[in-house]
PDB file of N, CA and C in Angstrom:
ATOM      1  N   MET A   1     242.838 173.426  80.075  1.00  0.00           N
ATOM      2  CA  MET A   1     241.502 173.014  80.419  1.00  0.00           C
ATOM      3  C   MET A   1     241.240 171.654  79.761  1.00  0.00           C
ATOM      4  N   LYS A   2     240.683 170.730  80.517  1.00  0.00           N
ATOM      5  CA  LYS A   2     240.356 169.407  79.996  1.00  0.00           C
ATOM      6  C   LYS A   2     238.840 169.247  80.014  1.00  0.00           C
ATOM      7  N   ILE A   3     238.287 168.786  78.892  1.00  0.00           N
ATOM      8  CA  ILE A   3     236.841 168.612  78.772  1.00  0.00           C
ATOM      9  C   ILE A   3     236.548 167.150  78.486  1.00  0.00           C
ATOM     10  N   LYS A   4     235.611 166.574  79.221  1.00  0.00           N
ATOM     11  CA  LYS A   4     235.177 165.189  79.031  1.00  0.00           C
ATOM     12  C   LYS A   4     233.741 165.224  78.531  1.00  0.00           C
ATOM     13  N   PRO A   5     233.502 164.827  77.259  1.00  0.00           N
ATOM     14  CA  PRO A   5     232.141 164.802  76.737  1.00  0.00           C
ATOM     15  C   PRO A   5     231.279 163.772  77.470  1.00  0.00           C
ATOM     16  N   LEU A   6     229.992 164.020  77.521  1.00  0.00           N
ATOM     17  CA  LEU A   6     229.055 163.102  78.157  1.00  0.00           C
ATOM     18  C   LEU A   6     228.350 162.244  77.111  1.00  0.00           C
ATOM     19  N   TYR A   7     228.031 161.015  77.493  1.00  0.00           N
ATOM     20  CA  TYR A   7     227.265 160.055  76.700  1.00  0.00           C
ATOM     21  C   TYR A   7     227.792 159.929  75.276  1.00  0.00           C
ATOM     22  N   ASP A   8     226.952 160.242  74.252  1.00  0.00           N
ATOM     23  CA  ASP A   8     227.366 160.011  72.863  1.00  0.00           C
ATOM     24  C   ASP A   8     227.967 161.253  72.215  1.00  0.00           C
ATOM     25  N   ARG A   9     228.456 162.176  73.018  1.00  0.00           N
ATOM     26  CA  ARG A   9     229.102 163.390  72.495  1.00  0.00           C
ATOM     27  C   ARG A   9     230.574 163.111  72.209  1.00  0.00           C
ATOM     28  N   VAL A  10     231.091 163.830  71.200  1.00  0.00           N
ATOM     29  CA  VAL A  10     232.474 163.678  70.777  1.00  0.00           C
ATOM     30  C   VAL A  10     233.064 165.077  70.623  1.00  0.00           C
ATOM     31  N   LEU A  11     234.268 165.298  71.140  1.00  0.00           N
ATOM     32  CA  LEU A  11     234.973 166.565  70.975  1.00  0.00           C
ATOM     33  C   LEU A  11     236.012 166.377  69.881  1.00  0.00           C
ATOM     34  N   VAL A  12     235.903 167.173  68.807  1.00  0.00           N
ATOM     35  CA  VAL A  12     236.791 167.038  67.650  1.00  0.00           C
ATOM     36  C   VAL A  12     237.596 168.316  67.488  1.00  0.00           C
ATOM     37  N   LYS A  13     238.927 168.169  67.351  1.00  0.00           N
ATOM     38  CA  LYS A  13     239.782 169.313  67.058  1.00  0.00           C
ATOM     39  C   LYS A  13     239.760 169.524  65.558  1.00  0.00           C
ATOM     40  N   ILE A  14     239.345 170.708  65.137  1.00  0.00           N
ATOM     41  CA  ILE A  14     239.181 171.019  63.721  1.00  0.00           C
ATOM     42  C   ILE A  14     240.551 171.216  63.084  1.00  0.00           C
ATOM     43  N   ASN A  15     240.771 170.550  61.948  1.00  0.00           N
ATOM     44  CA  ASN A  15     242.002 170.771  61.185  1.00  0.00           C
ATOM     45  C   ASN A  15     241.893 172.119  60.506  1.00  0.00           C
ATOM     46  N   SER A  16     242.918 172.956  60.669  1.00  0.00           N
ATOM     47  CA  SER A  16     242.885 174.273  60.043  1.00  0.00           C
ATOM     48  C   SER A  16     243.229 174.127  58.566  1.00  0.00           C
ATOM     49  N   PRO A  17     242.574 174.906  57.701  1.00  0.00           N
ATOM     50  CA  PRO A  17     242.839 174.807  56.267  1.00  0.00           C
ATOM     51  C   PRO A  17     244.246 175.301  55.946  1.00  0.00           C
ATOM     52  N   GLU A  18     244.800 174.752  54.872  1.00  0.00           N
ATOM     53  CA  GLU A  18     246.135 175.169  54.437  1.00  0.00           C
ATOM     54  C   GLU A  18     246.121 176.648  54.081  1.00  0.00           C
ATOM     55  N   GLU A  19     247.129 177.381  54.542  1.00  0.00           N
ATOM     56  CA  GLU A  19     247.232 178.797  54.220  1.00  0.00           C
ATOM     57  C   GLU A  19     248.259 179.046  53.136  1.00  0.00           C
ATOM     58  N   LYS A  20     248.900 177.975  52.659  1.00  0.00           N
ATOM     59  CA  LYS A  20     249.903 178.072  51.616  1.00  0.00           C
ATOM     60  C   LYS A  20     249.653 176.981  50.591  1.00  0.00           C
ATOM     61  N   THR A  21     249.844 177.305  49.318  1.00  0.00           N
ATOM     62  CA  THR A  21     249.739 176.286  48.283  1.00  0.00           C
ATOM     63  C   THR A  21     251.056 175.531  48.208  1.00  0.00           C
ATOM     64  N   LYS A  22     251.076 174.439  47.438  1.00  0.00           N
ATOM     65  CA  LYS A  22     252.308 173.666  47.283  1.00  0.00           C
ATOM     66  C   LYS A  22     253.413 174.501  46.651  1.00  0.00           C
ATOM     67  N   GLY A  23     253.038 175.481  45.834  1.00  0.00           N
ATOM     68  CA  GLY A  23     254.016 176.353  45.183  1.00  0.00           C
ATOM     69  C   GLY A  23     254.516 177.474  46.080  1.00  0.00           C
ATOM     70  N   GLY A  24     253.988 177.575  47.310  1.00  0.00           N
ATOM     71  CA  GLY A  24     254.453 178.581  48.257  1.00  0.00           C
ATOM     72  C   GLY A  24     253.632 179.856  48.270  1.00  0.00           C
ATOM     73  N   ILE A  25     252.536 179.896  47.531  1.00  0.00           N
ATOM     74  CA  ILE A  25     251.698 181.090  47.506  1.00  0.00           C
ATOM     75  C   ILE A  25     250.852 181.121  48.773  1.00  0.00           C
ATOM     76  N   ILE A  26     250.877 182.251  49.481  1.00  0.00           N
ATOM     77  CA  ILE A  26     250.099 182.395  50.720  1.00  0.00           C
ATOM     78  C   ILE A  26     248.678 182.802  50.364  1.00  0.00           C
ATOM     79  N   ILE A  27     247.722 182.051  50.903  1.00  0.00           N
ATOM     80  CA  ILE A  27     246.305 182.323  50.654  1.00  0.00           C
ATOM     81  C   ILE A  27     245.793 183.222  51.775  1.00  0.00           C
ATOM     82  N   PRO A  28     245.273 184.416  51.457  1.00  0.00           N
ATOM     83  CA  PRO A  28     244.760 185.298  52.514  1.00  0.00           C
ATOM     84  C   PRO A  28     243.488 184.743  53.125  1.00  0.00           C
ATOM     85  N   GLU A  29     243.305 185.040  54.402  1.00  0.00           N
ATOM     86  CA  GLU A  29     242.088 184.612  55.095  1.00  0.00           C
ATOM     87  C   GLU A  29     240.943 185.455  54.585  1.00  0.00           C
ATOM     88  N   SER A  30     239.830 184.810  54.236  1.00  0.00           N
ATOM     89  CA  SER A  30     238.692 185.579  53.730  1.00  0.00           C
ATOM     90  C   SER A  30     237.394 184.975  54.244  1.00  0.00           C
ATOM     91  N   SER A  31     236.346 185.764  54.163  1.00  0.00           N
ATOM     92  CA  SER A  31     235.048 185.287  54.647  1.00  0.00           C
ATOM     93  C   SER A  31     234.442 184.254  53.716  1.00  0.00           C
ATOM     94  N   SER A  32     234.932 184.178  52.477  1.00  0.00           N
ATOM     95  CA  SER A  32     234.388 183.205  51.541  1.00  0.00           C
ATOM     96  C   SER A  32     235.002 181.814  51.736  1.00  0.00           C
ATOM     97  N   GLN A  33     236.010 181.727  52.594  1.00  0.00           N
ATOM     98  CA  GLN A  33     236.652 180.441  52.837  1.00  0.00           C
ATOM     99  C   GLN A  33     235.682 179.507  53.554  1.00  0.00           C
ATOM    100  N   GLU A  34     235.532 178.284  53.043  1.00  0.00           N
ATOM    101  CA  GLU A  34     234.596 177.333  53.643  1.00  0.00           C
ATOM    102  C   GLU A  34     235.114 176.821  54.972  1.00  0.00           C
ATOM    103  N   LYS A  35     234.163 176.463  55.835  1.00  0.00           N
ATOM    104  CA  LYS A  35     234.532 175.887  57.115  1.00  0.00           C
ATOM    105  C   LYS A  35     235.108 174.493  56.891  1.00  0.00           C
ATOM    106  N   PRO A  36     236.148 174.123  57.618  1.00  0.00           N
ATOM    107  CA  PRO A  36     236.693 172.775  57.456  1.00  0.00           C
ATOM    108  C   PRO A  36     235.698 171.720  57.909  1.00  0.00           C
ATOM    109  N   SER A  37     235.788 170.555  57.315  1.00  0.00           N
ATOM    110  CA  SER A  37     234.854 169.503  57.658  1.00  0.00           C
ATOM    111  C   SER A  37     235.569 168.226  58.077  1.00  0.00           C
ATOM    112  N   GLU A  38     236.800 168.363  58.524  1.00  0.00           N
ATOM    113  CA  GLU A  38     237.499 167.199  59.051  1.00  0.00           C
ATOM    114  C   GLU A  38     238.316 167.610  60.261  1.00  0.00           C
ATOM    115  N   GLY A  39     238.588 166.632  61.105  1.00  0.00           N
ATOM    116  CA  GLY A  39     239.340 166.897  62.313  1.00  0.00           C
ATOM    117  C   GLY A  39     239.742 165.596  62.978  1.00  0.00           C
ATOM    118  N   VAL A  40     240.320 165.739  64.162  1.00  0.00           N
ATOM    119  CA  VAL A  40     240.794 164.588  64.930  1.00  0.00           C
ATOM    120  C   VAL A  40     240.030 164.542  66.244  1.00  0.00           C
ATOM    121  N   VAL A  41     239.550 163.359  66.599  1.00  0.00           N
ATOM    122  CA  VAL A  41     238.792 163.184  67.836  1.00  0.00           C
ATOM    123  C   VAL A  41     239.723 163.421  69.025  1.00  0.00           C
ATOM    124  N   ALA A  42     239.371 164.393  69.860  1.00  0.00           N
ATOM    125  CA  ALA A  42     240.175 164.731  71.029  1.00  0.00           C
ATOM    126  C   ALA A  42     239.674 164.028  72.287  1.00  0.00           C
ATOM    127  N   ALA A  43     238.367 163.815  72.381  1.00  0.00           N
ATOM    128  CA  ALA A  43     237.787 163.148  73.554  1.00  0.00           C
ATOM    129  C   ALA A  43     236.422 162.592  73.173  1.00  0.00           C
ATOM    130  N   VAL A  44     236.044 161.490  73.831  1.00  0.00           N
ATOM    131  CA  VAL A  44     234.741 160.867  73.572  1.00  0.00           C
ATOM    132  C   VAL A  44     234.025 160.616  74.892  1.00  0.00           C
ATOM    133  N   GLY A  45     232.695 160.552  74.807  1.00  0.00           N
ATOM    134  CA  GLY A  45     231.892 160.218  75.975  1.00  0.00           C
ATOM    135  C   GLY A  45     231.863 158.712  76.200  1.00  0.00           C
ATOM    136  N   THR A  46     231.070 158.292  77.157  1.00  0.00           N
ATOM    137  CA  THR A  46     231.011 156.875  77.522  1.00  0.00           C
ATOM    138  C   THR A  46     230.200 156.051  76.538  1.00  0.00           C
ATOM    139  N   GLY A  47     229.242 156.646  75.839  1.00  0.00           N
ATOM    140  CA  GLY A  47     228.411 155.929  74.885  1.00  0.00           C
ATOM    141  C   GLY A  47     226.988 156.446  74.924  1.00  0.00           C
ATOM    142  N   LYS A  48     226.177 155.941  73.999  1.00  0.00           N
ATOM    143  CA  LYS A  48     224.789 156.379  73.897  1.00  0.00           C
ATOM    144  C   LYS A  48     223.934 155.673  74.939  1.00  0.00           C
ATOM    145  N   LEU A  49     223.167 156.452  75.680  1.00  0.00           N
ATOM    146  CA  LEU A  49     222.259 155.916  76.686  1.00  0.00           C
ATOM    147  C   LEU A  49     220.991 155.441  75.982  1.00  0.00           C
ATOM    148  N   LEU A  50     220.713 154.142  76.066  1.00  0.00           N
ATOM    149  CA  LEU A  50     219.545 153.555  75.415  1.00  0.00           C
ATOM    150  C   LEU A  50     218.327 153.610  76.330  1.00  0.00           C
ATOM    151  N   ASP A  51     217.140 153.362  75.763  1.00  0.00           N
ATOM    152  CA  ASP A  51     215.886 153.429  76.517  1.00  0.00           C
ATOM    153  C   ASP A  51     215.849 152.464  77.693  1.00  0.00           C
ATOM    154  N   ASP A  52     216.512 151.319  77.563  1.00  0.00           N
ATOM    155  CA  ASP A  52     216.488 150.332  78.650  1.00  0.00           C
ATOM    156  C   ASP A  52     217.529 150.625  79.736  1.00  0.00           C
ATOM    157  N   GLY A  53     218.242 151.731  79.606  1.00  0.00           N
ATOM    158  CA  GLY A  53     219.225 152.129  80.615  1.00  0.00           C
ATOM    159  C   GLY A  53     220.636 151.640  80.347  1.00  0.00           C
ATOM    160  N   SER A  54     220.821 150.828  79.318  1.00  0.00           N
ATOM    161  CA  SER A  54     222.164 150.347  78.997  1.00  0.00           C
ATOM    162  C   SER A  54     222.904 151.382  78.147  1.00  0.00           C
ATOM    163  N   ILE A  55     224.206 151.218  78.060  1.00  0.00           N
ATOM    164  CA  ILE A  55     225.053 152.138  77.305  1.00  0.00           C
ATOM    165  C   ILE A  55     225.579 151.420  76.066  1.00  0.00           C
ATOM    166  N   GLN A  56     225.366 152.022  74.886  1.00  0.00           N
ATOM    167  CA  GLN A  56     225.919 151.487  73.636  1.00  0.00           C
ATOM    168  C   GLN A  56     227.242 152.198  73.383  1.00  0.00           C
ATOM    169  N   PRO A  57     228.377 151.468  73.298  1.00  0.00           N
ATOM    170  CA  PRO A  57     229.676 152.110  73.091  1.00  0.00           C
ATOM    171  C   PRO A  57     229.741 152.852  71.756  1.00  0.00           C
ATOM    172  N   LEU A  58     230.607 153.854  71.687  1.00  0.00           N
ATOM    173  CA  LEU A  58     230.773 154.636  70.464  1.00  0.00           C
ATOM    174  C   LEU A  58     231.683 153.903  69.478  1.00  0.00           C
ATOM    175  N   ASP A  59     231.511 154.208  68.193  1.00  0.00           N
ATOM    176  CA  ASP A  59     232.338 153.612  67.145  1.00  0.00           C
ATOM    177  C   ASP A  59     233.643 154.370  66.944  1.00  0.00           C
ATOM    178  N   VAL A  60     233.715 155.619  67.404  1.00  0.00           N
ATOM    179  CA  VAL A  60     234.941 156.411  67.254  1.00  0.00           C
ATOM    180  C   VAL A  60     235.717 156.400  68.563  1.00  0.00           C
ATOM    181  N   LYS A  61     237.030 156.654  68.460  1.00  0.00           N
ATOM    182  CA  LYS A  61     237.873 156.716  69.653  1.00  0.00           C
ATOM    183  C   LYS A  61     238.830 157.891  69.508  1.00  0.00           C
ATOM    184  N   GLU A  62     239.468 158.256  70.597  1.00  0.00           N
ATOM    185  CA  GLU A  62     240.422 159.361  70.565  1.00  0.00           C
ATOM    186  C   GLU A  62     241.510 159.081  69.543  1.00  0.00           C
ATOM    187  N   GLY A  63     241.861 160.106  68.769  1.00  0.00           N
ATOM    188  CA  GLY A  63     242.903 159.972  67.761  1.00  0.00           C
ATOM    189  C   GLY A  63     242.391 159.658  66.368  1.00  0.00           C
ATOM    190  N   ASP A  64     241.120 159.262  66.226  1.00  0.00           N
ATOM    191  CA  ASP A  64     240.551 158.982  64.901  1.00  0.00           C
ATOM    192  C   ASP A  64     240.407 160.276  64.104  1.00  0.00           C
ATOM    193  N   ALA A  65     240.775 160.232  62.824  1.00  0.00           N
ATOM    194  CA  ALA A  65     240.523 161.347  61.912  1.00  0.00           C
ATOM    195  C   ALA A  65     239.125 161.145  61.352  1.00  0.00           C
ATOM    196  N   VAL A  66     238.274 162.168  61.443  1.00  0.00           N
ATOM    197  CA  VAL A  66     236.867 162.032  61.061  1.00  0.00           C
ATOM    198  C   VAL A  66     236.412 163.144  60.121  1.00  0.00           C
ATOM    199  N   LEU A  67     235.364 162.842  59.358  1.00  0.00           N
ATOM    200  CA  LEU A  67     234.658 163.826  58.541  1.00  0.00           C
ATOM    201  C   LEU A  67     233.348 164.143  59.239  1.00  0.00           C
ATOM    202  N   PHE A  68     232.940 165.405  59.215  1.00  0.00           N
ATOM    203  CA  PHE A  68     231.681 165.786  59.845  1.00  0.00           C
ATOM    204  C   PHE A  68     231.000 166.861  59.026  1.00  0.00           C
ATOM    205  N   ASN A  69     229.717 167.031  59.261  1.00  0.00           N
ATOM    206  CA  ASN A  69     228.926 168.035  58.569  1.00  0.00           C
ATOM    207  C   ASN A  69     229.464 169.421  58.893  1.00  0.00           C
ATOM    208  N   LYS A  70     229.641 170.258  57.893  1.00  0.00           N
ATOM    209  CA  LYS A  70     230.228 171.592  58.081  1.00  0.00           C
ATOM    210  C   LYS A  70     229.451 172.462  59.060  1.00  0.00           C
ATOM    211  N   TYR A  71     228.149 172.273  59.124  1.00  0.00           N
ATOM    212  CA  TYR A  71     227.338 173.153  59.948  1.00  0.00           C
ATOM    213  C   TYR A  71     226.727 172.452  61.143  1.00  0.00           C
ATOM    214  N   GLY A  72     227.303 171.333  61.561  1.00  0.00           N
ATOM    215  CA  GLY A  72     226.798 170.600  62.711  1.00  0.00           C
ATOM    216  C   GLY A  72     227.573 170.937  63.971  1.00  0.00           C
ATOM    217  N   GLY A  73     227.027 170.565  65.092  1.00  0.00           N
ATOM    218  CA  GLY A  73     227.726 170.696  66.361  1.00  0.00           C
ATOM    219  C   GLY A  73     227.810 172.106  66.905  1.00  0.00           C
ATOM    220  N   MET A  74     228.573 172.220  68.000  1.00  0.00           N
ATOM    221  CA  MET A  74     228.783 173.501  68.665  1.00  0.00           C
ATOM    222  C   MET A  74     230.280 173.793  68.694  1.00  0.00           C
ATOM    223  N   GLU A  75     230.685 174.876  68.071  1.00  0.00           N
ATOM    224  CA  GLU A  75     232.100 175.223  68.009  1.00  0.00           C
ATOM    225  C   GLU A  75     232.535 175.948  69.274  1.00  0.00           C
ATOM    226  N   LEU A  76     233.801 175.724  69.662  1.00  0.00           N
ATOM    227  CA  LEU A  76     234.379 176.475  70.761  1.00  0.00           C
ATOM    228  C   LEU A  76     235.880 176.597  70.571  1.00  0.00           C
ATOM    229  N   SER A  77     236.446 177.656  71.135  1.00  0.00           N
ATOM    230  CA  SER A  77     237.885 177.898  71.044  1.00  0.00           C
ATOM    231  C   SER A  77     238.523 177.591  72.380  1.00  0.00           C
ATOM    232  N   LEU A  78     239.560 176.777  72.341  1.00  0.00           N
ATOM    233  CA  LEU A  78     240.374 176.516  73.520  1.00  0.00           C
ATOM    234  C   LEU A  78     241.765 177.041  73.225  1.00  0.00           C
ATOM    235  N   GLY A  79     242.650 177.024  74.198  1.00  0.00           N
ATOM    236  CA  GLY A  79     243.978 177.593  74.042  1.00  0.00           C
ATOM    237  C   GLY A  79     244.779 177.062  72.876  1.00  0.00           C
ATOM    238  N   ASP A  80     244.605 175.782  72.523  1.00  0.00           N
ATOM    239  CA  ASP A  80     245.449 175.204  71.475  1.00  0.00           C
ATOM    240  C   ASP A  80     244.740 175.006  70.143  1.00  0.00           C
ATOM    241  N   GLY A  81     243.564 175.599  69.944  1.00  0.00           N
ATOM    242  CA  GLY A  81     242.906 175.478  68.648  1.00  0.00           C
ATOM    243  C   GLY A  81     241.399 175.586  68.716  1.00  0.00           C
ATOM    244  N   GLU A  82     240.784 175.282  67.574  1.00  0.00           N
ATOM    245  CA  GLU A  82     239.334 175.316  67.431  1.00  0.00           C
ATOM    246  C   GLU A  82     238.786 173.900  67.550  1.00  0.00           C
ATOM    247  N   TYR A  83     237.685 173.755  68.264  1.00  0.00           N
ATOM    248  CA  TYR A  83     237.065 172.456  68.496  1.00  0.00           C
ATOM    249  C   TYR A  83     235.586 172.531  68.159  1.00  0.00           C
ATOM    250  N   VAL A  84     234.977 171.360  67.970  1.00  0.00           N
ATOM    251  CA  VAL A  84     233.539 171.279  67.763  1.00  0.00           C
ATOM    252  C   VAL A  84     233.017 170.078  68.555  1.00  0.00           C
ATOM    253  N   PHE A  85     231.896 170.296  69.257  1.00  0.00           N
ATOM    254  CA  PHE A  85     231.199 169.216  69.960  1.00  0.00           C
ATOM    255  C   PHE A  85     230.175 168.638  69.002  1.00  0.00           C
ATOM    256  N   LEU A  86     230.202 167.339  68.812  1.00  0.00           N
ATOM    257  CA  LEU A  86     229.268 166.651  67.928  1.00  0.00           C
ATOM    258  C   LEU A  86     228.679 165.455  68.645  1.00  0.00           C
ATOM    259  N   THR A  87     227.518 164.991  68.191  1.00  0.00           N
ATOM    260  CA  THR A  87     227.058 163.675  68.614  1.00  0.00           C
ATOM    261  C   THR A  87     227.650 162.691  67.611  1.00  0.00           C
ATOM    262  N   GLN A  88     227.708 161.427  67.974  1.00  0.00           N
ATOM    263  CA  GLN A  88     228.271 160.450  67.046  1.00  0.00           C
ATOM    264  C   GLN A  88     227.478 160.419  65.738  1.00  0.00           C
ATOM    265  N   ASN A  89     226.167 160.671  65.796  1.00  0.00           N
ATOM    266  CA  ASN A  89     225.337 160.669  64.589  1.00  0.00           C
ATOM    267  C   ASN A  89     225.730 161.763  63.603  1.00  0.00           C
ATOM    268  N   GLU A  90     226.375 162.841  64.070  1.00  0.00           N
ATOM    269  CA  GLU A  90     226.778 163.933  63.187  1.00  0.00           C
ATOM    270  C   GLU A  90     228.109 163.666  62.492  1.00  0.00           C
ATOM    271  N   ILE A  91     228.810 162.622  62.893  1.00  0.00           N
ATOM    272  CA  ILE A  91     230.067 162.253  62.243  1.00  0.00           C
ATOM    273  C   ILE A  91     229.722 161.400  61.026  1.00  0.00           C
ATOM    274  N   LEU A  92     230.256 161.802  59.874  1.00  0.00           N
ATOM    275  CA  LEU A  92     229.931 161.128  58.626  1.00  0.00           C
ATOM    276  C   LEU A  92     230.784 159.886  58.395  1.00  0.00           C
ATOM    277  N   GLY A  93     232.033 159.910  58.861  1.00  0.00           N
ATOM    278  CA  GLY A  93     232.900 158.761  58.638  1.00  0.00           C
ATOM    279  C   GLY A  93     234.258 158.936  59.274  1.00  0.00           C
ATOM    280  N   ILE A  94     235.001 157.837  59.344  1.00  0.00           N
ATOM    281  CA  ILE A  94     236.359 157.823  59.886  1.00  0.00           C
ATOM    282  C   ILE A  94     237.318 157.752  58.707  1.00  0.00           C
ATOM    283  N   ILE A  95     238.320 158.613  58.690  1.00  0.00           N
ATOM    284  CA  ILE A  95     239.325 158.622  57.621  1.00  0.00           C
ATOM    285  C   ILE A  95     240.397 157.608  57.964  1.00  0.00           C
ATOM    286  N   GLU A  96     240.627 156.661  57.068  1.00  0.00           N
ATOM    287  CA  GLU A  96     241.643 155.627  57.328  1.00  0.00           C
ATOM    288  C   GLU A  96     242.871 155.841  56.496  1.00  0.00           C
TER     289      GLU A  96
END
């Protein structure tokens, strides 16, 4: 399934947390585990629609590693992983 975000929406594939430590210890999945707050941009919309009808391009592009608010956006599961729909305003920064 291919999804194309509209306007200033961004589809981010959530990076799954490490399940093993560097020493090889397996960390069990638990409800106390925090939600990840970084991922890779999978798809972007055309840009933000301004009041005058023009489109302002987005600052992020496909393939950018980004940080986002843990409780922002709308999460969804696709066949190859977990994703979150965000507006560009909900993205905190680009990881370089």
